[in-house]
N, C-alpha and C. Protein backbone atom coordinates (compact mmCIF):
# COMPACT_ATOMS: atom_id res chain seq x y z
N MET A 1 1.04 -1.26 -0.04
CA MET A 1 -0.02 -0.26 -0.30
C MET A 1 0.92 1.11 -0.10
N TYR A 2 0.72 2.07 -0.65
CA TYR A 2 1.33 3.45 -0.68
C TYR A 2 0.78 4.34 0.04
N MET A 3 1.70 4.86 0.73
CA MET A 3 1.30 5.59 1.99
C MET A 3 1.90 7.38 1.57
N GLY A 4 2.89 7.47 0.91
CA GLY A 4 2.76 9.05 0.14
C GLY A 4 4.33 8.85 -0.62
N PRO A 5 4.94 9.94 -0.99
CA PRO A 5 5.80 10.33 -1.66
C PRO A 5 7.40 10.57 -1.23
N THR A 6 8.16 10.07 -1.79
CA THR A 6 9.42 10.28 -1.31
C THR A 6 9.74 11.45 -1.62
N LYS A 7 9.96 11.94 -0.32
CA LYS A 7 10.70 13.70 -0.25
C LYS A 7 12.20 13.32 -0.04
N ILE A 8 13.09 14.73 -0.43
CA ILE A 8 14.28 14.98 -0.15
C ILE A 8 14.33 16.27 0.26
N PHE A 9 15.18 16.32 1.27
CA PHE A 9 15.07 17.40 2.04
C PHE A 9 17.18 17.75 2.04
N ARG A 10 17.16 19.56 1.77
CA ARG A 10 18.32 19.84 1.27
C ARG A 10 18.51 20.93 1.11
N PRO A 11 19.43 21.56 1.74
CA PRO A 11 19.02 23.59 2.02
C PRO A 11 19.40 24.32 0.77
N THR A 12 18.24 24.93 0.35
CA THR A 12 18.47 25.65 -0.84
C THR A 12 19.94 26.59 -1.09
N SER A 13 19.94 27.26 0.08
CA SER A 13 21.22 28.04 0.53
C SER A 13 22.53 27.22 -0.10
N SER A 14 23.01 26.03 0.45
CA SER A 14 23.85 25.92 0.32
C SER A 14 23.93 25.42 -1.51
N ARG A 15 22.98 25.51 -1.90
CA ARG A 15 22.72 24.62 -3.34
C ARG A 15 23.21 26.24 -3.98
N TYR A 16 22.71 27.02 -3.65
CA TYR A 16 22.94 28.76 -4.35
C TYR A 16 24.47 29.00 -4.45
N LEU A 17 25.05 28.87 -2.72
CA LEU A 17 26.28 28.90 -2.78
C LEU A 17 27.30 28.26 -3.93
N ALA A 18 27.33 26.77 -4.04
CA ALA A 18 27.68 26.00 -4.67
C ALA A 18 27.80 26.51 -6.25
N ILE A 19 26.94 26.95 -6.44
CA ILE A 19 27.21 27.55 -8.09
C ILE A 19 27.55 28.46 -7.99
N THR A 20 27.53 29.66 -7.10
CA THR A 20 28.28 30.89 -6.82
C THR A 20 29.63 30.42 -6.94
N VAL A 21 29.69 29.80 -6.07
CA VAL A 21 31.49 29.13 -5.84
C VAL A 21 31.99 28.71 -7.34
N TRP A 22 31.30 27.71 -7.58
CA TRP A 22 31.69 26.99 -9.17
C TRP A 22 32.02 28.21 -10.26
N ALA A 23 30.91 28.95 -10.15
CA ALA A 23 31.37 29.84 -11.16
C ALA A 23 32.02 30.90 -11.18
N ILE A 24 32.15 31.20 -10.15
CA ILE A 24 33.52 31.92 -9.55
C ILE A 24 35.11 31.40 -10.09
N LEU A 25 35.03 29.83 -9.71
CA LEU A 25 36.08 29.37 -10.08
C LEU A 25 36.33 28.90 -11.13
N ALA A 26 35.08 28.68 -12.56
CA ALA A 26 35.11 28.87 -13.84
C ALA A 26 35.42 29.95 -14.39
N THR A 27 35.35 31.03 -13.65
CA THR A 27 35.49 32.36 -14.29
C THR A 27 37.20 32.71 -13.84
N SER A 28 37.87 32.46 -12.65
CA SER A 28 39.40 32.11 -12.73
C SER A 28 39.95 31.20 -13.41
N GLN A 29 39.38 29.94 -13.57
CA GLN A 29 40.01 29.21 -14.62
C GLN A 29 39.91 29.80 -15.95
N ILE A 30 39.02 30.32 -16.31
CA ILE A 30 39.23 30.63 -17.50
C ILE A 30 40.34 31.85 -17.88
N ALA A 31 40.51 33.19 -16.95
CA ALA A 31 41.45 34.20 -16.73
C ALA A 31 42.78 33.80 -16.81
N ALA A 32 42.96 32.78 -15.63
CA ALA A 32 44.12 32.09 -15.45
C ALA A 32 44.79 31.45 -17.15
N LEU A 33 43.74 30.98 -17.62
CA LEU A 33 44.19 30.41 -19.17
C LEU A 33 44.68 31.84 -19.96
N VAL A 34 43.62 32.62 -19.85
CA VAL A 34 44.10 33.41 -21.19
C VAL A 34 45.56 34.54 -20.43
N SER A 35 45.72 34.26 -19.56
CA SER A 35 46.71 34.86 -18.72
C SER A 35 47.71 34.50 -19.13
N SER A 36 47.68 32.92 -19.27
CA SER A 36 49.10 32.42 -19.15
C SER A 36 49.15 32.24 -20.87
N GLN A 37 48.09 32.57 -21.58
CA GLN A 37 48.30 32.86 -23.23
C GLN A 37 49.04 33.86 -23.63
N VAL A 38 48.52 34.51 -22.80
CA VAL A 38 48.88 36.35 -23.22
C VAL A 38 50.48 36.11 -22.64
N THR A 39 50.84 35.85 -22.04
CA THR A 39 52.17 35.97 -21.42
C THR A 39 53.34 35.12 -21.88
N GLY A 40 52.59 34.11 -22.33
CA GLY A 40 53.75 32.78 -22.72
C GLY A 40 53.92 31.88 -21.81
N SER A 41 53.90 31.78 -20.69
CA SER A 41 54.39 31.46 -19.71
C SER A 41 53.59 30.07 -19.17
N VAL A 42 54.32 28.84 -18.88
CA VAL A 42 53.13 27.81 -18.80
C VAL A 42 53.20 27.98 -16.93
N ARG A 43 52.20 27.69 -16.28
CA ARG A 43 51.74 27.84 -15.25
C ARG A 43 51.23 26.53 -14.48
N LEU A 44 51.55 26.22 -13.29
CA LEU A 44 50.82 24.75 -12.73
C LEU A 44 49.43 25.25 -12.32
N PRO A 45 48.65 24.52 -12.72
CA PRO A 45 47.05 24.66 -12.80
C PRO A 45 46.75 25.08 -11.22
N GLU A 46 45.88 25.76 -11.19
CA GLU A 46 45.39 26.22 -9.80
C GLU A 46 44.49 25.58 -9.13
N PRO A 47 44.42 25.76 -7.98
CA PRO A 47 43.49 24.38 -7.29
C PRO A 47 41.87 24.74 -7.17
N PHE A 48 41.64 24.72 -8.36
CA PHE A 48 40.22 25.43 -8.58
C PHE A 48 39.69 23.90 -8.59
N ASP A 49 40.64 22.59 -9.40
CA ASP A 49 39.38 21.37 -9.15
C ASP A 49 39.58 21.16 -8.03
N ARG A 50 40.21 21.18 -7.37
CA ARG A 50 40.32 20.57 -5.55
C ARG A 50 39.07 21.51 -4.75
N ILE A 51 38.77 22.64 -4.98
CA ILE A 51 37.93 23.38 -4.40
C ILE A 51 36.41 23.26 -4.97
N ALA A 52 36.42 23.04 -6.37
CA ALA A 52 34.98 22.29 -6.86
C ALA A 52 34.62 20.97 -5.86
N VAL A 53 35.48 20.06 -5.70
CA VAL A 53 35.15 18.93 -5.51
C VAL A 53 35.15 18.85 -3.83
N VAL A 54 35.32 19.93 -3.19
CA VAL A 54 35.46 20.13 -1.90
C VAL A 54 33.82 20.67 -1.33
N VAL A 55 33.60 21.73 -2.54
CA VAL A 55 31.89 22.45 -2.75
C VAL A 55 30.91 21.37 -2.77
N TRP A 56 31.32 20.34 -3.85
CA TRP A 56 30.09 19.60 -3.96
C TRP A 56 30.20 18.46 -2.92
N LEU A 57 31.50 17.60 -2.07
CA LEU A 57 31.03 17.26 -1.11
C LEU A 57 30.41 17.58 0.09
N PHE A 58 30.29 19.28 0.29
CA PHE A 58 29.93 19.45 1.49
C PHE A 58 28.94 20.70 1.15
N LEU A 59 28.53 20.90 0.34
CA LEU A 59 27.68 22.09 -0.19
C LEU A 59 26.59 21.07 -0.96
N TRP A 60 26.73 20.41 -1.62
CA TRP A 60 26.15 20.16 -3.10
C TRP A 60 25.34 18.46 -2.42
N ARG A 61 26.20 17.60 -2.16
CA ARG A 61 25.93 16.27 -2.00
C ARG A 61 24.89 16.07 -1.09
N PRO A 62 25.40 16.66 0.30
CA PRO A 62 24.45 16.49 1.65
C PRO A 62 22.78 16.25 1.29
N LEU A 63 21.96 15.51 1.91
CA LEU A 63 21.04 15.38 1.81
C LEU A 63 20.14 14.45 2.51
N VAL A 64 18.78 14.39 2.83
CA VAL A 64 18.00 13.63 3.51
C VAL A 64 17.01 13.17 2.76
N GLU A 65 16.30 11.65 2.77
CA GLU A 65 15.51 11.36 1.29
C GLU A 65 14.38 10.64 2.75
N VAL A 66 13.35 11.08 2.69
CA VAL A 66 12.19 10.20 3.65
C VAL A 66 11.44 9.76 2.66
N SER A 67 11.21 8.21 2.76
CA SER A 67 10.40 7.56 2.04
C SER A 67 9.32 6.57 2.98
N ASP A 68 8.42 5.91 2.23
CA ASP A 68 7.34 4.62 3.42
C ASP A 68 8.60 3.89 4.09
N GLY A 69 9.43 3.52 3.18
CA GLY A 69 10.61 2.42 4.01
C GLY A 69 11.90 2.61 4.50
N THR A 70 12.35 4.19 4.60
CA THR A 70 13.47 4.62 4.99
C THR A 70 13.43 5.78 5.25
N ILE A 71 14.34 6.13 5.98
CA ILE A 71 15.22 7.40 6.02
C ILE A 71 16.58 7.58 5.59
N THR A 72 17.36 7.79 4.92
CA THR A 72 18.41 7.97 4.22
C THR A 72 18.99 9.40 4.41
N ILE A 73 20.35 9.30 5.59
CA ILE A 73 20.61 10.60 5.41
C ILE A 73 22.19 10.68 4.69
N VAL A 74 22.46 11.57 3.69
CA VAL A 74 23.56 11.42 3.13
C VAL A 74 24.68 12.57 3.53
N ASN A 75 25.38 12.76 4.01
CA ASN A 75 26.32 13.49 5.18
C ASN A 75 27.89 13.74 3.78
N PRO A 76 28.74 14.57 4.07
CA PRO A 76 29.27 15.00 3.15
C PRO A 76 30.29 13.40 2.78
N LEU A 77 30.57 12.59 3.95
CA LEU A 77 31.34 11.37 3.77
C LEU A 77 31.06 10.41 4.28
N LYS A 78 29.98 9.45 4.67
CA LYS A 78 29.13 8.50 5.16
C LYS A 78 27.61 8.67 4.54
N THR A 79 26.75 7.90 4.39
CA THR A 79 25.68 7.70 4.17
C THR A 79 25.16 6.57 5.33
N VAL A 80 23.79 7.16 5.99
CA VAL A 80 23.05 6.12 6.70
C VAL A 80 21.46 5.79 6.19
N THR A 81 21.17 4.29 6.41
CA THR A 81 19.80 3.88 5.74
C THR A 81 19.31 3.65 7.19
N ILE A 82 18.37 4.44 7.31
CA ILE A 82 17.63 4.06 8.84
C ILE A 82 15.92 3.55 8.37
N PRO A 83 16.06 1.80 8.19
CA PRO A 83 14.46 1.39 8.63
C PRO A 83 13.31 2.23 9.13
N TRP A 84 12.39 2.09 8.67
CA TRP A 84 11.55 2.68 10.37
C TRP A 84 11.20 1.96 11.25
N PRO A 85 11.23 0.93 10.65
CA PRO A 85 10.56 -0.12 12.79
C PRO A 85 12.46 0.41 13.40
N ALA A 86 13.80 0.85 12.61
CA ALA A 86 14.36 0.82 13.31
C ALA A 86 14.48 2.41 14.32
N PHE A 87 13.63 3.35 13.38
CA PHE A 87 13.65 4.70 14.13
C PHE A 87 12.95 4.36 15.43
N SER A 88 13.39 5.50 16.17
CA SER A 88 12.98 5.87 17.53
C SER A 88 12.46 7.27 17.88
N GLU A 89 13.51 8.36 17.48
CA GLU A 89 12.94 9.75 17.25
C GLU A 89 13.63 10.74 17.02
N ALA A 90 13.41 11.74 16.74
CA ALA A 90 13.57 13.19 16.25
C ALA A 90 13.70 14.03 16.96
N HIS A 91 14.82 14.94 17.24
CA HIS A 91 14.77 16.24 17.23
C HIS A 91 15.77 17.01 17.02
N ILE A 92 15.57 18.60 17.03
CA ILE A 92 16.42 19.46 16.51
C ILE A 92 17.39 19.98 18.30
N HIS A 93 18.63 20.20 16.97
CA HIS A 93 19.79 21.10 18.17
C HIS A 93 21.05 20.96 17.69
N GLY A 94 20.18 22.21 16.57
CA GLY A 94 21.91 22.96 15.74
C GLY A 94 21.62 22.22 14.53
N THR A 95 20.97 21.03 14.56
CA THR A 95 20.36 20.11 13.09
C THR A 95 19.49 19.37 13.47
N LEU A 96 19.17 18.57 12.51
CA LEU A 96 18.02 17.31 12.81
C LEU A 96 18.97 16.31 13.34
N ILE A 97 18.47 15.46 14.50
CA ILE A 97 19.28 14.43 15.09
C ILE A 97 18.08 13.41 15.17
N VAL A 98 18.59 12.26 14.90
CA VAL A 98 17.65 10.82 14.54
C VAL A 98 18.23 10.37 14.96
N THR A 99 17.17 9.18 16.16
CA THR A 99 17.52 8.50 17.58
C THR A 99 17.28 7.37 16.53
N THR A 100 18.20 6.04 16.81
CA THR A 100 17.54 4.80 16.46
C THR A 100 16.90 3.85 17.33
N THR A 101 16.27 2.91 17.34
CA THR A 101 16.19 1.89 18.07
C THR A 101 17.16 1.50 19.26
N ALA A 102 18.33 1.17 18.75
CA ALA A 102 19.77 0.89 19.85
C ALA A 102 20.22 1.96 19.95
N ALA A 103 19.76 3.31 20.24
CA ALA A 103 20.46 4.07 20.95
C ALA A 103 21.62 4.93 19.99
N LYS A 104 21.32 4.73 19.11
CA LYS A 104 22.86 5.12 17.86
C LYS A 104 21.89 6.64 17.29
N THR A 105 22.35 7.69 17.49
CA THR A 105 22.04 9.29 16.72
C THR A 105 22.96 9.47 15.80
N VAL A 106 22.26 10.06 14.61
CA VAL A 106 22.77 10.30 13.50
C VAL A 106 22.31 11.77 13.05
N SER A 107 23.26 13.00 12.70
CA SER A 107 22.99 14.33 12.68
C SER A 107 22.95 14.22 11.31
N ALA A 108 22.00 15.48 10.86
CA ALA A 108 22.11 15.28 9.40
C ALA A 108 22.59 16.83 8.92
N TYR A 109 23.82 16.72 8.40
CA TYR A 109 24.80 17.87 7.93
C TYR A 109 23.49 18.44 6.66
N ALA A 110 22.81 17.99 6.22
CA ALA A 110 21.81 18.65 5.44
C ALA A 110 20.49 19.31 5.82
N ALA A 111 20.17 19.35 6.94
CA ALA A 111 19.16 20.06 7.91
C ALA A 111 19.73 21.28 8.92
N PRO A 112 19.94 22.23 8.35
CA PRO A 112 20.32 23.09 9.59
C PRO A 112 19.00 24.05 9.96
N ILE A 113 18.90 24.67 10.85
CA ILE A 113 18.40 25.41 11.51
C ILE A 113 17.96 27.06 11.28
N ARG A 114 17.31 27.48 10.97
CA ARG A 114 16.99 28.95 10.69
C ARG A 114 17.40 29.46 9.19
N ASN A 115 16.13 29.42 8.80
CA ASN A 115 16.49 30.27 7.41
C ASN A 115 15.32 31.20 7.25
N ARG A 116 14.89 32.15 5.91
CA ARG A 116 13.97 33.03 5.94
C ARG A 116 12.72 32.61 6.17
N ARG A 117 12.06 31.25 5.56
CA ARG A 117 10.92 31.05 5.74
C ARG A 117 10.55 30.88 7.40
N SER A 118 11.41 30.02 8.21
CA SER A 118 11.28 29.48 9.44
C SER A 118 12.41 29.87 10.29
N ASP A 119 12.14 29.61 11.85
CA ASP A 119 12.78 29.75 12.47
C ASP A 119 13.76 28.53 12.90
N HIS A 120 13.19 27.37 12.35
CA HIS A 120 13.65 25.85 12.25
C HIS A 120 14.14 25.86 10.95
N GLY A 121 14.16 26.10 9.94
CA GLY A 121 14.81 25.79 8.73
C GLY A 121 14.25 24.41 7.90
N VAL A 122 15.36 23.90 7.34
CA VAL A 122 15.26 22.60 6.48
C VAL A 122 14.97 21.63 7.97
N ALA A 123 16.00 21.72 8.91
CA ALA A 123 15.60 20.81 10.33
C ALA A 123 13.93 20.72 10.62
N GLY A 124 13.44 21.98 10.94
CA GLY A 124 11.73 21.98 11.05
C GLY A 124 11.40 21.03 9.88
N ASP A 125 11.47 21.68 8.99
CA ASP A 125 10.26 20.92 7.80
C ASP A 125 10.47 19.28 7.87
N LEU A 126 11.84 18.70 7.91
CA LEU A 126 12.29 17.48 8.06
C LEU A 126 11.36 17.13 9.20
N LEU A 127 11.32 17.77 10.41
CA LEU A 127 11.14 17.02 11.55
C LEU A 127 9.66 16.62 11.47
N ALA A 128 9.00 17.71 11.03
CA ALA A 128 7.47 17.73 10.99
C ALA A 128 7.41 16.59 9.87
N GLU A 129 7.86 16.30 8.77
CA GLU A 129 7.86 15.44 7.59
C GLU A 129 7.94 14.09 8.43
N LEU A 130 9.15 13.64 9.27
CA LEU A 130 9.27 12.57 9.76
C LEU A 130 7.97 12.06 10.60
N THR A 131 7.82 13.16 11.42
CA THR A 131 6.69 12.57 12.29
C THR A 131 5.27 12.43 11.62
N ALA A 132 5.21 13.27 10.94
CA ALA A 132 3.91 12.79 10.18
C ALA A 132 3.92 11.57 9.21
N ARG A 133 5.11 11.03 8.82
CA ARG A 133 5.08 10.07 8.09
C ARG A 133 5.17 8.71 9.10
N HIS A 134 5.90 8.64 10.34
CA HIS A 134 6.11 7.70 11.11
C HIS A 134 4.18 7.37 11.65
N ASP A 135 3.55 8.90 11.96
CA ASP A 135 2.72 8.33 12.43
C ASP A 135 1.31 8.18 11.36
N ALA A 136 1.78 8.13 10.25
CA ALA A 136 1.03 7.65 8.64
C ALA A 136 1.14 6.04 8.88
N LEU A 137 2.51 5.53 9.21
CA LEU A 137 2.93 4.36 9.13
C LEU A 137 2.09 3.98 10.07
N THR A 138 2.32 4.29 11.14
CA THR A 138 1.77 3.55 12.32
C THR A 138 0.45 3.28 12.20
N GLU A 139 -0.61 4.67 11.90
CA GLU A 139 -2.06 4.14 11.54
C GLU A 139 -2.47 3.25 10.67
N ALA A 140 -1.57 3.21 9.86
CA ALA A 140 -1.66 2.12 8.59
C ALA A 140 -1.41 0.75 9.01
N GLY A 141 -0.66 0.81 10.20
CA GLY A 141 -0.93 -0.88 10.60
C GLY A 141 0.89 -1.59 10.21
N PHE A 142 1.52 -0.52 9.77
CA PHE A 142 2.66 -0.85 9.07
C PHE A 142 3.73 -1.57 10.19
N LEU A 143 3.81 -0.19 11.12
CA LEU A 143 4.85 -0.59 12.11
C LEU A 143 4.68 -1.34 13.47
N ASP A 144 3.42 -2.29 13.01
CA ASP A 144 3.29 -2.97 14.21
C ASP A 144 3.62 -4.44 14.27
N ASN A 145 3.73 -4.90 15.34
CA ASN A 145 4.58 -6.32 15.88
C ASN A 145 5.39 -6.39 14.83
N ILE A 146 6.44 -5.47 14.88
CA ILE A 146 7.77 -5.75 13.89
C ILE A 146 9.16 -6.02 15.35
N ARG A 147 9.66 -6.54 14.96
CA ARG A 147 11.19 -6.80 15.30
C ARG A 147 11.77 -5.69 15.37
N THR A 148 12.49 -5.13 16.21
CA THR A 148 13.09 -4.31 16.10
C THR A 148 14.55 -4.68 15.81
N ASP A 149 15.34 -5.89 16.15
CA ASP A 149 16.26 -6.48 16.22
C ASP A 149 16.66 -6.48 14.54
N GLY A 150 15.59 -7.22 13.81
CA GLY A 150 15.59 -7.30 12.62
C GLY A 150 16.28 -6.03 11.23
N ALA A 151 15.69 -4.75 12.34
CA ALA A 151 15.66 -3.32 11.47
C ALA A 151 17.25 -3.29 11.48
N GLN A 152 17.81 -3.17 9.87
CA GLN A 152 19.16 -3.12 10.80
C GLN A 152 19.48 -1.76 9.98
N VAL A 153 19.82 -0.76 10.60
CA VAL A 153 20.59 0.32 10.30
C VAL A 153 21.91 0.22 9.38
N THR A 154 22.38 0.71 8.19
CA THR A 154 23.09 0.40 7.52
C THR A 154 23.96 1.85 7.14
N GLN A 155 25.28 1.78 7.45
CA GLN A 155 26.11 3.20 7.89
C GLN A 155 27.06 2.85 5.83
N THR A 156 27.45 3.44 5.02
CA THR A 156 28.85 3.46 4.02
C THR A 156 29.25 4.37 4.04
N THR A 157 30.68 4.28 3.70
CA THR A 157 31.38 5.56 3.97
C THR A 157 31.46 6.27 2.24
N ALA A 158 31.37 6.95 2.05
CA ALA A 158 31.29 7.83 0.61
C ALA A 158 33.01 7.47 0.29
N THR A 159 33.25 6.85 -0.21
CA THR A 159 34.65 6.17 -1.06
C THR A 159 35.02 6.73 -1.45
N LEU A 160 33.84 7.52 -2.53
CA LEU A 160 34.37 8.43 -3.99
C LEU A 160 35.13 9.77 -3.25
N GLY A 161 34.22 10.43 -2.14
CA GLY A 161 34.11 11.53 -1.48
C GLY A 161 35.72 11.55 -0.95
N ALA A 162 35.88 9.93 -0.39
CA ALA A 162 37.14 10.05 0.81
C ALA A 162 38.40 10.04 -0.48
N VAL A 163 38.38 9.38 -1.48
CA VAL A 163 39.32 9.19 -1.69
C VAL A 163 39.89 10.50 -2.71
N ALA A 164 38.59 11.20 -3.06
CA ALA A 164 38.53 12.43 -3.58
C ALA A 164 39.74 13.68 -2.90
N LEU A 165 39.34 13.48 -1.36
CA LEU A 165 39.89 14.87 -0.85
C LEU A 165 41.53 14.09 -0.52
N ALA A 166 41.13 12.87 -0.37
CA ALA A 166 43.13 12.05 -0.19
C ALA A 166 43.60 12.62 -1.42
N VAL A 167 43.27 12.52 -2.62
CA VAL A 167 43.93 12.97 -4.00
C VAL A 167 44.13 14.20 -4.08
N LEU A 168 42.62 15.06 -3.63
CA LEU A 168 43.13 16.73 -3.74
C LEU A 168 44.07 17.14 -2.72
N ALA A 169 43.82 16.84 -1.47
CA ALA A 169 45.05 17.15 -0.32
C ALA A 169 46.60 16.45 -0.92
N LEU A 170 46.52 14.97 -1.55
CA LEU A 170 47.94 15.20 -2.15
C LEU A 170 48.15 16.20 -3.36
N ALA A 171 47.74 16.33 -4.20
CA ALA A 171 47.69 16.91 -5.04
C ALA A 171 48.01 18.90 -4.50
N SER A 172 47.73 19.46 -3.91
CA SER A 172 47.72 20.21 -3.26
C SER A 172 49.07 20.16 -2.38
N ILE A 173 49.82 19.45 -1.70
CA ILE A 173 50.92 19.40 -1.33
C ILE A 173 51.59 19.56 -2.66
N ALA A 174 51.61 18.23 -3.57
CA ALA A 174 52.64 18.69 -4.98
C ALA A 174 52.91 20.02 -5.41
N ASN A 175 51.65 20.92 -5.34
CA ASN A 175 51.41 21.99 -5.81
C ASN A 175 52.32 22.68 -4.94
N TRP A 176 52.50 22.93 -3.70
CA TRP A 176 53.13 23.74 -2.78
C TRP A 176 54.83 23.20 -3.27
N VAL A 177 55.10 21.69 -3.03
CA VAL A 177 56.01 21.40 -3.31
C VAL A 177 56.71 22.00 -4.15
N ILE A 178 56.18 21.98 -6.06
CA ILE A 178 57.01 22.03 -6.87
C ILE A 178 57.24 23.44 -7.22
């Protein structure tokens, strides 16, 4: 039985900031290329690509997805999937914090508080959605007689992000040394 649509929460301000930074980086890269062609000197590439990846990792990638089956929290370097039977509670403390039935807490990097619309921002909207979805699933009987020990919370490390950060760190060190 279908309860509700999958909803994705992420702060729009971080998206705008990421686009702005990428636009500045692109403009700077073009200026550096034009400058090197005019002067005829060969320069090492600027760290624009490294900054762009860090911006993607910390401003573009984070989100929280709420569906009828799970809550998925995508933070910069890890993704945590919480099935509804493992969900215990959620509250706001600087950001949204979800507690599982195993007493594990997960904070949502993509759910900051305070924006122009409300005092609780994305975190408040997300908390309202989690409460409403949990209530709807409980009323429909989907969370009755569920063994919480069978509901596994999965955590995966963002390997691509971690590798990208390591490569960028090495490239930055090489750029300083050379």
